[in-house]
Amino acid sequence: MHLRINGRIWLETTAADTTQRFMGIGRLELLDHIQRTGSINQAAKAMKMSYKRAWELVRSMNTQAGTPLVTTQTGGEKGGGAIVTETGETYLTYYRALHERFQQFLADELANLPH
């Protein structure tokens, strides 16, 4: 028998007895793609998700954070775009490190599992 330990970790917000997911691996990936492409639409395509869903996730994160993680601009000569704000980059950095620590925790626990 080959055992492994698996799990996921995410950040949640709570307000008025309501808990909502704020940041997890999928939202991290979405922010990474937005940062790389400068576009919510291109980020959505890269993740094979609808633009509507990507925009809903961005809106959710922006609302929960209180300070936007992503800002957008419309139209113009070169078209619109999106950027991950300094606050967004702070959350990206924190969540990446949290995820790495969590993966290390899982590896350590697996090493301690009785054989």
PDB file of N, CA and C in Angstrom:
ATOM      1  N   MET A   1       0.843  -1.178   0.000  1.00  0.00           N
ATOM      2  CA  MET A   1       0.000   0.000   0.000  1.00  0.00           C
ATOM      3  C   MET A   1       0.892   1.246   0.000  1.00  0.00           C
ATOM      4  N   HIS A   2       0.545   2.186  -0.854  1.00  0.00           N
ATOM      5  CA  HIS A   2       1.287   3.441  -0.946  1.00  0.00           C
ATOM      6  C   HIS A   2       0.373   4.578  -0.489  1.00  0.00           C
ATOM      7  N   LEU A   3       0.734   5.207   0.624  1.00  0.00           N
ATOM      8  CA  LEU A   3      -0.082   6.288   1.168  1.00  0.00           C
ATOM      9  C   LEU A   3       0.526   7.636   0.820  1.00  0.00           C
ATOM     10  N   ARG A   4      -0.339   8.609   0.689  1.00  0.00           N
ATOM     11  CA  ARG A   4       0.112   9.980   0.557  1.00  0.00           C
ATOM     12  C   ARG A   4      -0.855  10.866   1.332  1.00  0.00           C
ATOM     13  N   ILE A   5      -0.391  12.017   1.686  1.00  0.00           N
ATOM     14  CA  ILE A   5      -1.226  12.986   2.389  1.00  0.00           C
ATOM     15  C   ILE A   5      -1.483  14.127   1.417  1.00  0.00           C
ATOM     16  N   ASN A   6      -2.727  14.535   1.326  1.00  0.00           N
ATOM     17  CA  ASN A   6      -3.081  15.588   0.391  1.00  0.00           C
ATOM     18  C   ASN A   6      -3.967  16.606   1.079  1.00  0.00           C
ATOM     19  N   GLY A   7      -3.986  17.797   0.584  1.00  0.00           N
ATOM     20  CA  GLY A   7      -4.840  18.828   1.144  1.00  0.00           C
ATOM     21  C   GLY A   7      -4.712  20.116   0.369  1.00  0.00           C
ATOM     22  N   ARG A   8      -5.585  21.028   0.667  1.00  0.00           N
ATOM     23  CA  ARG A   8      -5.562  22.353   0.066  1.00  0.00           C
ATOM     24  C   ARG A   8      -5.680  23.380   1.172  1.00  0.00           C
ATOM     25  N   ILE A   9      -5.142  24.536   0.894  1.00  0.00           N
ATOM     26  CA  ILE A   9      -5.219  25.620   1.857  1.00  0.00           C
ATOM     27  C   ILE A   9      -5.661  26.889   1.126  1.00  0.00           C
ATOM     28  N   TRP A  10      -6.511  27.661   1.791  1.00  0.00           N
ATOM     29  CA  TRP A  10      -6.969  28.912   1.189  1.00  0.00           C
ATOM     30  C   TRP A  10      -7.249  29.911   2.291  1.00  0.00           C
ATOM     31  N   LEU A  11      -7.373  31.156   1.905  1.00  0.00           N
ATOM     32  CA  LEU A  11      -7.726  32.229   2.823  1.00  0.00           C
ATOM     33  C   LEU A  11      -9.208  32.522   2.660  1.00  0.00           C
ATOM     34  N   GLU A  12      -9.874  32.798   3.769  1.00  0.00           N
ATOM     35  CA  GLU A  12     -11.303  33.124   3.750  1.00  0.00           C
ATOM     36  C   GLU A  12     -11.521  34.448   4.458  1.00  0.00           C
ATOM     37  N   THR A  13     -12.623  35.091   4.124  1.00  0.00           N
ATOM     38  CA  THR A  13     -13.058  36.269   4.859  1.00  0.00           C
ATOM     39  C   THR A  13     -14.380  35.938   5.528  1.00  0.00           C
ATOM     40  N   THR A  14     -14.637  36.579   6.645  1.00  0.00           N
ATOM     41  CA  THR A  14     -15.923  36.408   7.317  1.00  0.00           C
ATOM     42  C   THR A  14     -16.486  37.788   7.616  1.00  0.00           C
ATOM     43  N   ALA A  15     -17.767  37.922   7.352  1.00  0.00           N
ATOM     44  CA  ALA A  15     -18.475  39.167   7.652  1.00  0.00           C
ATOM     45  C   ALA A  15     -19.945  38.828   7.818  1.00  0.00           C
ATOM     46  N   ALA A  16     -20.543  39.353   8.865  1.00  0.00           N
ATOM     47  CA  ALA A  16     -21.981  39.140   9.119  1.00  0.00           C
ATOM     48  C   ALA A  16     -22.339  37.657   9.026  1.00  0.00           C
ATOM     49  N   ASP A  17     -21.567  36.826   9.701  1.00  0.00           N
ATOM     50  CA  ASP A  17     -21.815  35.379   9.748  1.00  0.00           C
ATOM     51  C   ASP A  17     -21.754  34.700   8.379  1.00  0.00           C
ATOM     52  N   THR A  18     -21.088  35.329   7.417  1.00  0.00           N
ATOM     53  CA  THR A  18     -20.916  34.734   6.089  1.00  0.00           C
ATOM     54  C   THR A  18     -19.425  34.534   5.841  1.00  0.00           C
ATOM     55  N   THR A  19     -19.059  33.338   5.404  1.00  0.00           N
ATOM     56  CA  THR A  19     -17.667  33.037   5.085  1.00  0.00           C
ATOM     57  C   THR A  19     -17.542  32.897   3.576  1.00  0.00           C
ATOM     58  N   GLN A  20     -16.537  33.557   3.018  1.00  0.00           N
ATOM     59  CA  GLN A  20     -16.297  33.475   1.580  1.00  0.00           C
ATOM     60  C   GLN A  20     -14.836  33.152   1.327  1.00  0.00           C
ATOM     61  N   ARG A  21     -14.598  32.367   0.273  1.00  0.00           N
ATOM     62  CA  ARG A  21     -13.217  32.092  -0.116  1.00  0.00           C
ATOM     63  C   ARG A  21     -12.632  33.362  -0.717  1.00  0.00           C
ATOM     64  N   PHE A  22     -11.443  33.707  -0.253  1.00  0.00           N
ATOM     65  CA  PHE A  22     -10.777  34.916  -0.725  1.00  0.00           C
ATOM     66  C   PHE A  22      -9.625  34.579  -1.664  1.00  0.00           C
ATOM     67  N   MET A  23      -8.733  33.683  -1.231  1.00  0.00           N
ATOM     68  CA  MET A  23      -7.565  33.367  -2.046  1.00  0.00           C
ATOM     69  C   MET A  23      -7.247  31.893  -1.902  1.00  0.00           C
ATOM     70  N   GLY A  24      -7.129  31.232  -3.040  1.00  0.00           N
ATOM     71  CA  GLY A  24      -6.732  29.840  -3.099  1.00  0.00           C
ATOM     72  C   GLY A  24      -5.858  29.658  -4.323  1.00  0.00           C
ATOM     73  N   ILE A  25      -5.517  28.433  -4.622  1.00  0.00           N
ATOM     74  CA  ILE A  25      -4.587  28.164  -5.720  1.00  0.00           C
ATOM     75  C   ILE A  25      -5.145  28.627  -7.068  1.00  0.00           C
ATOM     76  N   GLY A  26      -6.455  28.488  -7.290  1.00  0.00           N
ATOM     77  CA  GLY A  26      -7.047  28.922  -8.552  1.00  0.00           C
ATOM     78  C   GLY A  26      -7.009  30.427  -8.720  1.00  0.00           C
ATOM     79  N   ARG A  27      -7.313  31.145  -7.656  1.00  0.00           N
ATOM     80  CA  ARG A  27      -7.289  32.613  -7.728  1.00  0.00           C
ATOM     81  C   ARG A  27      -5.854  33.112  -7.860  1.00  0.00           C
ATOM     82  N   LEU A  28      -4.928  32.422  -7.197  1.00  0.00           N
ATOM     83  CA  LEU A  28      -3.512  32.744  -7.355  1.00  0.00           C
ATOM     84  C   LEU A  28      -3.114  32.598  -8.822  1.00  0.00           C
ATOM     85  N   GLU A  29      -3.514  31.508  -9.432  1.00  0.00           N
ATOM     86  CA  GLU A  29      -3.189  31.265 -10.836  1.00  0.00           C
ATOM     87  C   GLU A  29      -3.802  32.350 -11.730  1.00  0.00           C
ATOM     88  N   LEU A  30      -5.043  32.740 -11.442  1.00  0.00           N
ATOM     89  CA  LEU A  30      -5.697  33.795 -12.219  1.00  0.00           C
ATOM     90  C   LEU A  30      -4.913  35.103 -12.100  1.00  0.00           C
ATOM     91  N   LEU A  31      -4.535  35.480 -10.885  1.00  0.00           N
ATOM     92  CA  LEU A  31      -3.755  36.703 -10.705  1.00  0.00           C
ATOM     93  C   LEU A  31      -2.409  36.625 -11.411  1.00  0.00           C
ATOM     94  N   ASP A  32      -1.765  35.460 -11.366  1.00  0.00           N
ATOM     95  CA  ASP A  32      -0.497  35.259 -12.085  1.00  0.00           C
ATOM     96  C   ASP A  32      -0.679  35.513 -13.579  1.00  0.00           C
ATOM     97  N   HIS A  33      -1.732  34.953 -14.152  1.00  0.00           N
ATOM     98  CA  HIS A  33      -1.989  35.128 -15.585  1.00  0.00           C
ATOM     99  C   HIS A  33      -2.306  36.590 -15.909  1.00  0.00           C
ATOM    100  N   ILE A  34      -3.070  37.254 -15.057  1.00  0.00           N
ATOM    101  CA  ILE A  34      -3.368  38.669 -15.284  1.00  0.00           C
ATOM    102  C   ILE A  34      -2.081  39.479 -15.242  1.00  0.00           C
ATOM    103  N   GLN A  35      -1.235  39.163 -14.292  1.00  0.00           N
ATOM    104  CA  GLN A  35       0.035  39.866 -14.156  1.00  0.00           C
ATOM    105  C   GLN A  35       0.901  39.679 -15.407  1.00  0.00           C
ATOM    106  N   ARG A  36       0.926  38.452 -15.928  1.00  0.00           N
ATOM    107  CA  ARG A  36       1.745  38.149 -17.107  1.00  0.00           C
ATOM    108  C   ARG A  36       1.181  38.736 -18.396  1.00  0.00           C
ATOM    109  N   THR A  37      -0.149  38.683 -18.550  1.00  0.00           N
ATOM    110  CA  THR A  37      -0.753  39.079 -19.824  1.00  0.00           C
ATOM    111  C   THR A  37      -1.283  40.502 -19.846  1.00  0.00           C
ATOM    112  N   GLY A  38      -1.545  41.074 -18.674  1.00  0.00           N
ATOM    113  CA  GLY A  38      -2.128  42.401 -18.612  1.00  0.00           C
ATOM    114  C   GLY A  38      -3.587  42.417 -19.032  1.00  0.00           C
ATOM    115  N   SER A  39      -4.241  41.240 -18.946  1.00  0.00           N
ATOM    116  CA  SER A  39      -5.611  41.134 -19.442  1.00  0.00           C
ATOM    117  C   SER A  39      -6.386  40.062 -18.682  1.00  0.00           C
ATOM    118  N   ILE A  40      -7.578  40.427 -18.220  1.00  0.00           N
ATOM    119  CA  ILE A  40      -8.452  39.428 -17.595  1.00  0.00           C
ATOM    120  C   ILE A  40      -8.920  38.436 -18.651  1.00  0.00           C
ATOM    121  N   ASN A  41      -9.225  38.916 -19.835  1.00  0.00           N
ATOM    122  CA  ASN A  41      -9.682  38.047 -20.919  1.00  0.00           C
ATOM    123  C   ASN A  41      -8.613  37.012 -21.290  1.00  0.00           C
ATOM    124  N   GLN A  42      -7.373  37.460 -21.458  1.00  0.00           N
ATOM    125  CA  GLN A  42      -6.296  36.529 -21.803  1.00  0.00           C
ATOM    126  C   GLN A  42      -6.016  35.551 -20.660  1.00  0.00           C
ATOM    127  N   ALA A  43      -6.117  36.041 -19.432  1.00  0.00           N
ATOM    128  CA  ALA A  43      -5.928  35.168 -18.268  1.00  0.00           C
ATOM    129  C   ALA A  43      -7.008  34.091 -18.247  1.00  0.00           C
ATOM    130  N   ALA A  44      -8.252  34.485 -18.525  1.00  0.00           N
ATOM    131  CA  ALA A  44      -9.364  33.529 -18.558  1.00  0.00           C
ATOM    132  C   ALA A  44      -9.118  32.479 -19.636  1.00  0.00           C
ATOM    133  N   LYS A  45      -8.701  32.910 -20.813  1.00  0.00           N
ATOM    134  CA  LYS A  45      -8.424  31.959 -21.910  1.00  0.00           C
ATOM    135  C   LYS A  45      -7.318  30.980 -21.526  1.00  0.00           C
ATOM    136  N   ALA A  46      -6.278  31.491 -20.889  1.00  0.00           N
ATOM    137  CA  ALA A  46      -5.157  30.631 -20.480  1.00  0.00           C
ATOM    138  C   ALA A  46      -5.612  29.562 -19.491  1.00  0.00           C
ATOM    139  N   MET A  47      -6.631  29.893 -18.701  1.00  0.00           N
ATOM    140  CA  MET A  47      -7.129  28.955 -17.692  1.00  0.00           C
ATOM    141  C   MET A  47      -8.340  28.167 -18.183  1.00  0.00           C
ATOM    142  N   LYS A  48      -8.738  28.401 -19.438  1.00  0.00           N
ATOM    143  CA  LYS A  48      -9.909  27.719 -20.005  1.00  0.00           C
ATOM    144  C   LYS A  48     -11.161  27.985 -19.166  1.00  0.00           C
ATOM    145  N   MET A  49     -11.327  29.258 -18.793  1.00  0.00           N
ATOM    146  CA  MET A  49     -12.516  29.646 -18.047  1.00  0.00           C
ATOM    147  C   MET A  49     -13.163  30.805 -18.799  1.00  0.00           C
ATOM    148  N   SER A  50     -14.419  31.019 -18.545  1.00  0.00           N
ATOM    149  CA  SER A  50     -15.107  32.117 -19.214  1.00  0.00           C
ATOM    150  C   SER A  50     -14.615  33.455 -18.668  1.00  0.00           C
ATOM    151  N   TYR A  51     -14.696  34.469 -19.520  1.00  0.00           N
ATOM    152  CA  TYR A  51     -14.341  35.813 -19.091  1.00  0.00           C
ATOM    153  C   TYR A  51     -15.245  36.229 -17.937  1.00  0.00           C
ATOM    154  N   LYS A  52     -16.508  35.877 -18.023  1.00  0.00           N
ATOM    155  CA  LYS A  52     -17.479  36.229 -16.978  1.00  0.00           C
ATOM    156  C   LYS A  52     -17.039  35.660 -15.628  1.00  0.00           C
ATOM    157  N   ARG A  53     -16.622  34.401 -15.609  1.00  0.00           N
ATOM    158  CA  ARG A  53     -16.185  33.762 -14.362  1.00  0.00           C
ATOM    159  C   ARG A  53     -14.918  34.434 -13.828  1.00  0.00           C
ATOM    160  N   ALA A  54     -13.965  34.718 -14.716  1.00  0.00           N
ATOM    161  CA  ALA A  54     -12.725  35.368 -14.289  1.00  0.00           C
ATOM    162  C   ALA A  54     -13.034  36.738 -13.696  1.00  0.00           C
ATOM    163  N   TRP A  55     -13.923  37.480 -14.352  1.00  0.00           N
ATOM    164  CA  TRP A  55     -14.288  38.805 -13.854  1.00  0.00           C
ATOM    165  C   TRP A  55     -14.990  38.697 -12.500  1.00  0.00           C
ATOM    166  N   GLU A  56     -15.849  37.692 -12.323  1.00  0.00           N
ATOM    167  CA  GLU A  56     -16.513  37.483 -11.032  1.00  0.00           C
ATOM    168  C   GLU A  56     -15.497  37.218  -9.924  1.00  0.00           C
ATOM    169  N   LEU A  57     -14.482  36.418 -10.221  1.00  0.00           N
ATOM    170  CA  LEU A  57     -13.439  36.124  -9.230  1.00  0.00           C
ATOM    171  C   LEU A  57     -12.647  37.377  -8.877  1.00  0.00           C
ATOM    172  N   VAL A  58     -12.296  38.164  -9.900  1.00  0.00           N
ATOM    173  CA  VAL A  58     -11.569  39.412  -9.664  1.00  0.00           C
ATOM    174  C   VAL A  58     -12.422  40.356  -8.825  1.00  0.00           C
ATOM    175  N   ARG A  59     -13.687  40.499  -9.183  1.00  0.00           N
ATOM    176  CA  ARG A  59     -14.587  41.388  -8.436  1.00  0.00           C
ATOM    177  C   ARG A  59     -14.706  40.921  -6.981  1.00  0.00           C
ATOM    178  N   SER A  60     -14.827  39.617  -6.781  1.00  0.00           N
ATOM    179  CA  SER A  60     -14.933  39.059  -5.441  1.00  0.00           C
ATOM    180  C   SER A  60     -13.685  39.380  -4.614  1.00  0.00           C
ATOM    181  N   MET A  61     -12.500  39.155  -5.186  1.00  0.00           N
ATOM    182  CA  MET A  61     -11.259  39.439  -4.458  1.00  0.00           C
ATOM    183  C   MET A  61     -11.138  40.927  -4.154  1.00  0.00           C
ATOM    184  N   ASN A  62     -11.439  41.764  -5.146  1.00  0.00           N
ATOM    185  CA  ASN A  62     -11.341  43.212  -4.952  1.00  0.00           C
ATOM    186  C   ASN A  62     -12.275  43.679  -3.839  1.00  0.00           C
ATOM    187  N   THR A  63     -13.499  43.170  -3.834  1.00  0.00           N
ATOM    188  CA  THR A  63     -14.484  43.565  -2.829  1.00  0.00           C
ATOM    189  C   THR A  63     -14.060  43.113  -1.440  1.00  0.00           C
ATOM    190  N   GLN A  64     -13.631  41.860  -1.333  1.00  0.00           N
ATOM    191  CA  GLN A  64     -13.249  41.322  -0.025  1.00  0.00           C
ATOM    192  C   GLN A  64     -12.004  42.002   0.537  1.00  0.00           C
ATOM    193  N   ALA A  65     -11.064  42.332  -0.334  1.00  0.00           N
ATOM    194  CA  ALA A  65      -9.812  42.934   0.129  1.00  0.00           C
ATOM    195  C   ALA A  65     -10.012  44.370   0.598  1.00  0.00           C
ATOM    196  N   GLY A  66     -11.036  45.021   0.075  1.00  0.00           N
ATOM    197  CA  GLY A  66     -11.250  46.419   0.435  1.00  0.00           C
ATOM    198  C   GLY A  66     -10.413  47.361  -0.408  1.00  0.00           C
ATOM    199  N   THR A  67      -9.250  46.915  -0.823  1.00  0.00           N
ATOM    200  CA  THR A  67      -8.370  47.636  -1.743  1.00  0.00           C
ATOM    201  C   THR A  67      -8.217  46.735  -2.956  1.00  0.00           C
ATOM    202  N   PRO A  68      -8.426  47.244  -4.159  1.00  0.00           N
ATOM    203  CA  PRO A  68      -8.383  46.372  -5.340  1.00  0.00           C
ATOM    204  C   PRO A  68      -7.069  45.615  -5.481  1.00  0.00           C
ATOM    205  N   LEU A  69      -7.183  44.348  -5.841  1.00  0.00           N
ATOM    206  CA  LEU A  69      -6.010  43.539  -6.172  1.00  0.00           C
ATOM    207  C   LEU A  69      -5.708  43.660  -7.659  1.00  0.00           C
ATOM    208  N   VAL A  70      -6.756  43.975  -8.437  1.00  0.00           N
ATOM    209  CA  VAL A  70      -6.634  44.147  -9.884  1.00  0.00           C
ATOM    210  C   VAL A  70      -7.373  45.420 -10.255  1.00  0.00           C
ATOM    211  N   THR A  71      -6.738  46.247 -11.070  1.00  0.00           N
ATOM    212  CA  THR A  71      -7.429  47.416 -11.614  1.00  0.00           C
ATOM    213  C   THR A  71      -7.492  47.264 -13.128  1.00  0.00           C
ATOM    214  N   THR A  72      -8.519  47.861 -13.700  1.00  0.00           N
ATOM    215  CA  THR A  72      -8.714  47.762 -15.149  1.00  0.00           C
ATOM    216  C   THR A  72      -8.822  49.150 -15.756  1.00  0.00           C
ATOM    217  N   GLN A  73      -8.516  49.203 -17.037  1.00  0.00           N
ATOM    218  CA  GLN A  73      -8.761  50.429 -17.795  1.00  0.00           C
ATOM    219  C   GLN A  73      -9.390  50.014 -19.108  1.00  0.00           C
ATOM    220  N   THR A  74     -10.280  50.835 -19.591  1.00  0.00           N
ATOM    221  CA  THR A  74     -11.024  50.477 -20.799  1.00  0.00           C
ATOM    222  C   THR A  74     -10.507  51.233 -22.001  1.00  0.00           C
ATOM    223  N   GLY A  75     -10.732  50.610 -23.149  1.00  0.00           N
ATOM    224  CA  GLY A  75     -10.523  51.247 -24.446  1.00  0.00           C
ATOM    225  C   GLY A  75      -9.174  51.872 -24.650  1.00  0.00           C
ATOM    226  N   GLY A  76      -9.198  52.979 -25.374  1.00  0.00           N
ATOM    227  CA  GLY A  76      -7.955  53.651 -25.698  1.00  0.00           C
ATOM    228  C   GLY A  76      -7.352  53.109 -26.973  1.00  0.00           C
ATOM    229  N   GLU A  77      -6.270  53.734 -27.396  1.00  0.00           N
ATOM    230  CA  GLU A  77      -5.613  53.363 -28.652  1.00  0.00           C
ATOM    231  C   GLU A  77      -5.134  51.919 -28.660  1.00  0.00           C
ATOM    232  N   LYS A  78      -4.609  51.482 -27.531  1.00  0.00           N
ATOM    233  CA  LYS A  78      -4.077  50.117 -27.450  1.00  0.00           C
ATOM    234  C   LYS A  78      -5.062  49.155 -26.797  1.00  0.00           C
ATOM    235  N   GLY A  79      -6.286  49.593 -26.586  1.00  0.00           N
ATOM    236  CA  GLY A  79      -7.276  48.740 -25.947  1.00  0.00           C
ATOM    237  C   GLY A  79      -7.176  48.833 -24.439  1.00  0.00           C
ATOM    238  N   GLY A  80      -8.008  48.071 -23.762  1.00  0.00           N
ATOM    239  CA  GLY A  80      -8.028  48.088 -22.304  1.00  0.00           C
ATOM    240  C   GLY A  80      -6.930  47.223 -21.733  1.00  0.00           C
ATOM    241  N   GLY A  81      -7.020  47.001 -20.473  1.00  0.00           N
ATOM    242  CA  GLY A  81      -6.033  46.164 -19.830  1.00  0.00           C
ATOM    243  C   GLY A  81      -6.331  46.019 -18.361  1.00  0.00           C
ATOM    244  N   ALA A  82      -5.530  45.205 -17.719  1.00  0.00           N
ATOM    245  CA  ALA A  82      -5.678  44.964 -16.291  1.00  0.00           C
ATOM    246  C   ALA A  82      -4.290  44.838 -15.685  1.00  0.00           C
ATOM    247  N   ILE A  83      -4.150  45.351 -14.484  1.00  0.00           N
ATOM    248  CA  ILE A  83      -2.882  45.191 -13.773  1.00  0.00           C
ATOM    249  C   ILE A  83      -3.152  44.693 -12.361  1.00  0.00           C
ATOM    250  N   VAL A  84      -2.229  43.902 -11.868  1.00  0.00           N
ATOM    251  CA  VAL A  84      -2.266  43.472 -10.479  1.00  0.00           C
ATOM    252  C   VAL A  84      -1.623  44.603  -9.679  1.00  0.00           C
ATOM    253  N   THR A  85      -2.359  45.109  -8.711  1.00  0.00           N
ATOM    254  CA  THR A  85      -1.892  46.243  -7.908  1.00  0.00           C
ATOM    255  C   THR A  85      -0.809  45.802  -6.926  1.00  0.00           C
ATOM    256  N   GLU A  86      -0.242  46.780  -6.245  1.00  0.00           N
ATOM    257  CA  GLU A  86       0.751  46.482  -5.208  1.00  0.00           C
ATOM    258  C   GLU A  86       0.129  45.605  -4.115  1.00  0.00           C
ATOM    259  N   THR A  87      -1.115  45.904  -3.750  1.00  0.00           N
ATOM    260  CA  THR A  87      -1.820  45.072  -2.758  1.00  0.00           C
ATOM    261  C   THR A  87      -1.976  43.661  -3.286  1.00  0.00           C
ATOM    262  N   GLY A  88      -2.343  43.523  -4.558  1.00  0.00           N
ATOM    263  CA  GLY A  88      -2.474  42.211  -5.182  1.00  0.00           C
ATOM    264  C   GLY A  88      -1.161  41.447  -5.158  1.00  0.00           C
ATOM    265  N   GLU A  89      -0.080  42.146  -5.459  1.00  0.00           N
ATOM    266  CA  GLU A  89       1.235  41.499  -5.449  1.00  0.00           C
ATOM    267  C   GLU A  89       1.614  41.058  -4.040  1.00  0.00           C
ATOM    268  N   THR A  90       1.230  41.841  -3.044  1.00  0.00           N
ATOM    269  CA  THR A  90       1.493  41.463  -1.651  1.00  0.00           C
ATOM    270  C   THR A  90       0.775  40.162  -1.313  1.00  0.00           C
ATOM    271  N   TYR A  91      -0.505  40.052  -1.701  1.00  0.00           N
ATOM    272  CA  TYR A  91      -1.248  38.816  -1.453  1.00  0.00           C
ATOM    273  C   TYR A  91      -0.676  37.648  -2.250  1.00  0.00           C
ATOM    274  N   LEU A  92      -0.263  37.900  -3.494  1.00  0.00           N
ATOM    275  CA  LEU A  92       0.362  36.837  -4.292  1.00  0.00           C
ATOM    276  C   LEU A  92       1.607  36.301  -3.594  1.00  0.00           C
ATOM    277  N   THR A  93       2.460  37.193  -3.145  1.00  0.00           N
ATOM    278  CA  THR A  93       3.694  36.788  -2.472  1.00  0.00           C
ATOM    279  C   THR A  93       3.385  36.008  -1.196  1.00  0.00           C
ATOM    280  N   TYR A  94       2.455  36.528  -0.401  1.00  0.00           N
ATOM    281  CA  TYR A  94       2.098  35.853   0.843  1.00  0.00           C
ATOM    282  C   TYR A  94       1.518  34.467   0.574  1.00  0.00           C
ATOM    283  N   TYR A  95       0.556  34.383  -0.368  1.00  0.00           N
ATOM    284  CA  TYR A  95      -0.102  33.099  -0.597  1.00  0.00           C
ATOM    285  C   TYR A  95       0.858  32.076  -1.187  1.00  0.00           C
ATOM    286  N   ARG A  96       1.751  32.498  -2.083  1.00  0.00           N
ATOM    287  CA  ARG A  96       2.756  31.560  -2.624  1.00  0.00           C
ATOM    288  C   ARG A  96       3.580  30.965  -1.489  1.00  0.00           C
ATOM    289  N   ALA A  97       4.044  31.815  -0.570  1.00  0.00           N
ATOM    290  CA  ALA A  97       4.856  31.343   0.560  1.00  0.00           C
ATOM    291  C   ALA A  97       4.033  30.443   1.475  1.00  0.00           C
ATOM    292  N   LEU A  98       2.783  30.818   1.725  1.00  0.00           N
ATOM    293  CA  LEU A  98       1.890  29.988   2.545  1.00  0.00           C
ATOM    294  C   LEU A  98       1.711  28.616   1.903  1.00  0.00           C
ATOM    295  N   HIS A  99       1.480  28.599   0.599  1.00  0.00           N
ATOM    296  CA  HIS A  99       1.284  27.337  -0.118  1.00  0.00           C
ATOM    297  C   HIS A  99       2.546  26.469  -0.033  1.00  0.00           C
ATOM    298  N   GLU A 100       3.722  27.073  -0.166  1.00  0.00           N
ATOM    299  CA  GLU A 100       4.979  26.319  -0.049  1.00  0.00           C
ATOM    300  C   GLU A 100       5.132  25.732   1.353  1.00  0.00           C
ATOM    301  N   ARG A 101       4.818  26.532   2.377  1.00  0.00           N
ATOM    302  CA  ARG A 101       4.908  26.018   3.753  1.00  0.00           C
ATOM    303  C   ARG A 101       3.919  24.877   3.970  1.00  0.00           C
ATOM    304  N   PHE A 102       2.744  25.003   3.399  1.00  0.00           N
ATOM    305  CA  PHE A 102       1.732  23.958   3.529  1.00  0.00           C
ATOM    306  C   PHE A 102       2.202  22.676   2.839  1.00  0.00           C
ATOM    307  N   GLN A 103       2.782  22.793   1.652  1.00  0.00           N
ATOM    308  CA  GLN A 103       3.307  21.621   0.954  1.00  0.00           C
ATOM    309  C   GLN A 103       4.421  20.964   1.759  1.00  0.00           C
ATOM    310  N   GLN A 104       5.261  21.782   2.391  1.00  0.00           N
ATOM    311  CA  GLN A 104       6.325  21.237   3.238  1.00  0.00           C
ATOM    312  C   GLN A 104       5.733  20.529   4.449  1.00  0.00           C
ATOM    313  N   PHE A 105       4.686  21.101   5.035  1.00  0.00           N
ATOM    314  CA  PHE A 105       3.983  20.463   6.151  1.00  0.00           C
ATOM    315  C   PHE A 105       3.474  19.080   5.735  1.00  0.00           C
ATOM    316  N   LEU A 106       2.842  19.000   4.550  1.00  0.00           N
ATOM    317  CA  LEU A 106       2.322  17.710   4.072  1.00  0.00           C
ATOM    318  C   LEU A 106       3.464  16.703   3.882  1.00  0.00           C
ATOM    319  N   ALA A 107       4.575  17.167   3.312  1.00  0.00           N
ATOM    320  CA  ALA A 107       5.735  16.279   3.100  1.00  0.00           C
ATOM    321  C   ALA A 107       6.298  15.800   4.439  1.00  0.00           C
ATOM    322  N   ASP A 108       6.385  16.706   5.406  1.00  0.00           N
ATOM    323  CA  ASP A 108       6.896  16.332   6.730  1.00  0.00           C
ATOM    324  C   ASP A 108       5.993  15.312   7.407  1.00  0.00           C
ATOM    325  N   GLU A 109       4.689  15.532   7.324  1.00  0.00           N
ATOM    326  CA  GLU A 109       3.741  14.605   7.923  1.00  0.00           C
ATOM    327  C   GLU A 109       3.815  13.231   7.247  1.00  0.00           C
ATOM    328  N   LEU A 110       3.996  13.225   5.937  1.00  0.00           N
ATOM    329  CA  LEU A 110       4.118  11.958   5.221  1.00  0.00           C
ATOM    330  C   LEU A 110       5.379  11.216   5.681  1.00  0.00           C
ATOM    331  N   ALA A 111       6.445  11.947   5.894  1.00  0.00           N
ATOM    332  CA  ALA A 111       7.692  11.334   6.370  1.00  0.00           C
ATOM    333  C   ALA A 111       7.521  10.742   7.774  1.00  0.00           C
ATOM    334  N   ASN A 112       6.628  11.306   8.568  1.00  0.00           N
ATOM    335  CA  ASN A 112       6.395  10.824   9.929  1.00  0.00           C
ATOM    336  C   ASN A 112       5.339   9.704  10.008  1.00  0.00           C
ATOM    337  N   LEU A 113       4.721   9.410   8.887  1.00  0.00           N
ATOM    338  CA  LEU A 113       3.688   8.385   8.858  1.00  0.00           C
ATOM    339  C   LEU A 113       4.302   7.025   9.187  1.00  0.00           C
ATOM    340  N   PRO A 114       3.655   6.231  10.029  1.00  0.00           N
ATOM    341  CA  PRO A 114       4.205   4.908  10.329  1.00  0.00           C
ATOM    342  C   PRO A 114       4.260   4.042   9.069  1.00  0.00           C
ATOM    343  N   HIS A 115       5.318   3.291   8.950  1.00  0.00           N
ATOM    344  CA  HIS A 115       5.476   2.410   7.766  1.00  0.00           C
ATOM    345  C   HIS A 115       4.966   1.031   8.058  1.00  0.00           C
TER     346      HIS A 115
END
